[in-house]
Amino acid sequence: MHVIRKHRLWEYFLVEKLNFKWDEVHEMAEEMEHISSVELIDRLDKFMDYPKHDPHGDPIPDRNGNLKKHELKPIAGLGVHEGGVISGVRDHSSSFLQYLEKQQLTIGKKIIVTDIIEYDNSMILQVEKNTTHISREVAKNLLIAI
């Protein structure tokens, strides 16, 4: 849990404080998670005002290794006129995160399903003021808070 904590704190720091994109930080955080100074990690956490989730929506354990989980549901499980706030992703690959960025389907965006295409179960989403069409595969990997 402590390695996960360090990894997610570093990802948060790289995105929020150094302006890296969410698809760029995993490899850097992999290297930085091996820093052994507990004091450094505690100060990093405090400096960032104790974030609860990394840039991908995953919970960050506290200094004792406790996780405050939040219930997430794939968009694929929604019906027409249902929605929520994008709060996580199942697929952390760079190509998926880049796709989401281009579609403006990022953490914190409010979505509503406006149509489900019967042929392939793809979905039409209202994303704030925009409309976008996503595949069933994307809908399975994009999570909203319940």
Protein backbone atom coordinates (compact mmCIF):
# COMPACT_ATOMS: atom_id res chain seq x y z
CA MET A 1 0.00 0.00 0.00
CA HIS A 2 2.87 2.37 0.71
CA VAL A 3 4.29 1.90 -2.80
CA ILE A 4 0.84 2.52 -4.28
CA ARG A 5 0.53 5.65 -2.11
CA LYS A 6 3.87 7.01 -3.34
CA HIS A 7 3.10 6.16 -6.96
CA ARG A 8 -0.30 7.89 -6.92
CA LEU A 9 1.00 10.93 -5.04
CA TRP A 10 3.79 11.35 -7.60
CA GLU A 11 1.30 11.03 -10.46
CA TYR A 12 -0.87 13.69 -8.86
CA PHE A 13 2.12 15.96 -8.32
CA LEU A 14 3.35 15.57 -11.91
CA VAL A 15 -0.07 16.37 -13.39
CA GLU A 16 -1.31 19.03 -10.97
CA LYS A 17 1.93 20.86 -10.14
CA LEU A 18 4.22 20.25 -13.12
CA ASN A 19 1.51 20.21 -15.81
CA PHE A 20 2.29 16.84 -17.33
CA LYS A 21 -0.60 15.14 -19.11
CA TRP A 22 -2.26 12.18 -17.41
CA ASP A 23 -0.97 9.80 -20.08
CA GLU A 24 2.67 10.85 -19.48
CA VAL A 25 3.14 10.24 -15.78
CA HIS A 26 2.94 6.50 -15.13
CA GLU A 27 6.54 5.65 -16.07
CA MET A 28 7.97 8.60 -14.13
CA ALA A 29 5.91 7.69 -11.06
CA GLU A 30 7.15 4.08 -11.39
CA GLU A 31 10.68 5.36 -10.85
CA MET A 32 9.80 7.86 -8.12
CA GLU A 33 7.72 5.41 -6.06
CA HIS A 34 10.95 3.75 -4.91
CA ILE A 35 12.13 6.79 -2.96
CA SER A 36 12.25 5.53 0.62
CA SER A 37 11.93 8.78 2.60
CA VAL A 38 8.65 8.69 4.52
CA GLU A 39 9.15 12.33 5.50
CA LEU A 40 9.42 13.39 1.84
CA ILE A 41 6.18 11.58 0.95
CA ASP A 42 4.37 13.03 3.97
CA ARG A 43 5.51 16.54 3.03
CA LEU A 44 4.53 15.96 -0.60
CA ASP A 45 1.06 14.89 0.56
CA LYS A 46 0.74 17.97 2.78
CA PHE A 47 2.09 20.30 0.05
CA MET A 48 -0.68 19.11 -2.27
CA ASP A 49 -3.34 19.44 0.47
CA TYR A 50 -3.85 15.69 0.89
CA PRO A 51 -5.36 14.66 -2.45
CA LYS A 52 -7.79 11.75 -2.30
CA HIS A 53 -7.45 10.51 -5.91
CA ASP A 54 -4.72 10.36 -8.53
CA PRO A 55 -5.23 11.87 -12.01
CA HIS A 56 -6.82 8.60 -13.22
CA GLY A 57 -9.40 8.56 -10.44
CA ASP A 58 -7.73 5.88 -8.31
CA PRO A 59 -7.84 6.44 -4.54
CA ILE A 60 -4.62 7.45 -2.78
CA PRO A 61 -3.96 5.54 0.46
CA ASP A 62 -3.33 7.65 3.56
CA ARG A 63 -0.04 7.42 5.46
CA ASN A 64 -1.34 4.34 7.33
CA GLY A 65 -2.21 2.53 4.11
CA ASN A 66 -5.97 3.05 4.41
CA LEU A 67 -7.98 3.59 1.24
CA LYS A 68 -11.20 5.50 1.04
CA LYS A 69 -12.82 3.71 -1.86
CA HIS A 70 -15.60 5.21 -3.84
CA GLU A 71 -18.09 3.20 -5.83
CA LEU A 72 -17.52 3.46 -9.56
CA LYS A 73 -19.61 2.14 -12.41
CA PRO A 74 -18.73 1.81 -16.10
CA ILE A 75 -20.63 4.10 -18.42
CA ALA A 76 -21.59 0.94 -20.33
CA GLY A 77 -23.95 0.13 -17.43
CA LEU A 78 -26.00 3.28 -17.91
CA GLY A 79 -29.26 3.65 -19.78
CA VAL A 80 -30.53 6.53 -21.88
CA HIS A 81 -30.97 9.73 -19.84
CA GLU A 82 -28.69 8.43 -17.07
CA GLY A 83 -25.38 10.03 -16.27
CA GLY A 84 -22.85 11.09 -13.71
CA VAL A 85 -19.40 12.54 -13.25
CA ILE A 86 -16.38 10.83 -14.84
CA SER A 87 -14.37 9.63 -11.87
CA GLY A 88 -11.98 6.95 -13.12
CA VAL A 89 -10.69 4.72 -15.88
CA ARG A 90 -10.04 1.00 -16.05
CA ASP A 91 -7.56 1.24 -18.92
CA HIS A 92 -4.48 3.32 -18.02
CA SER A 93 -2.74 2.91 -21.39
CA SER A 94 -1.36 6.04 -23.03
CA SER A 95 -3.41 5.48 -26.18
CA PHE A 96 -6.67 5.25 -24.22
CA LEU A 97 -5.89 8.30 -22.08
CA GLN A 98 -4.90 10.29 -25.18
CA TYR A 99 -8.17 9.28 -26.85
CA LEU A 100 -10.15 10.44 -23.81
CA GLU A 101 -8.25 13.73 -23.77
CA LYS A 102 -9.11 14.35 -27.45
CA GLN A 103 -12.76 13.55 -26.78
CA GLN A 104 -12.72 15.78 -23.67
CA LEU A 105 -13.79 12.80 -21.54
CA THR A 106 -11.62 13.56 -18.53
CA ILE A 107 -11.98 13.22 -14.78
CA GLY A 108 -14.57 15.62 -13.40
CA LYS A 109 -16.62 16.00 -16.60
CA LYS A 110 -20.36 15.51 -16.25
CA ILE A 111 -21.93 13.18 -18.82
CA ILE A 112 -25.43 12.04 -19.76
CA VAL A 113 -26.22 9.17 -22.12
CA THR A 114 -28.51 10.57 -24.81
CA ASP A 115 -28.71 7.45 -27.02
CA ILE A 116 -27.54 3.86 -27.25
CA ILE A 117 -27.06 2.56 -30.77
CA GLU A 118 -28.80 -0.82 -31.02
CA TYR A 119 -26.50 -2.20 -33.72
CA ASP A 120 -23.26 -2.16 -31.68
CA ASN A 121 -24.27 -0.76 -28.26
CA SER A 122 -22.12 2.30 -28.83
CA MET A 123 -23.28 5.40 -27.00
CA ILE A 124 -23.98 9.04 -27.68
CA LEU A 125 -23.00 11.18 -24.71
CA GLN A 126 -23.73 14.75 -23.77
CA VAL A 127 -20.45 15.93 -22.23
CA GLU A 128 -21.23 19.27 -20.66
CA LYS A 129 -22.08 21.35 -23.78
CA ASN A 130 -20.71 18.90 -26.37
CA THR A 131 -21.96 15.64 -27.85
CA THR A 132 -19.66 12.68 -28.54
CA HIS A 133 -20.05 9.12 -29.80
CA ILE A 134 -18.11 6.37 -27.99
CA SER A 135 -17.70 2.67 -28.65
CA ARG A 136 -18.89 -0.02 -26.25
CA GLU A 137 -15.23 -0.75 -25.42
CA VAL A 138 -14.63 2.86 -24.35
CA ALA A 139 -17.88 2.81 -22.33
CA LYS A 140 -16.67 -0.29 -20.45
CA ASN A 141 -13.39 1.40 -19.50
CA LEU A 142 -14.68 4.84 -18.50
CA LEU A 143 -16.07 5.02 -14.95
CA ILE A 144 -18.50 7.34 -13.20
CA ALA A 145 -19.14 7.79 -9.47
CA ILE A 146 -22.38 6.22 -8.26
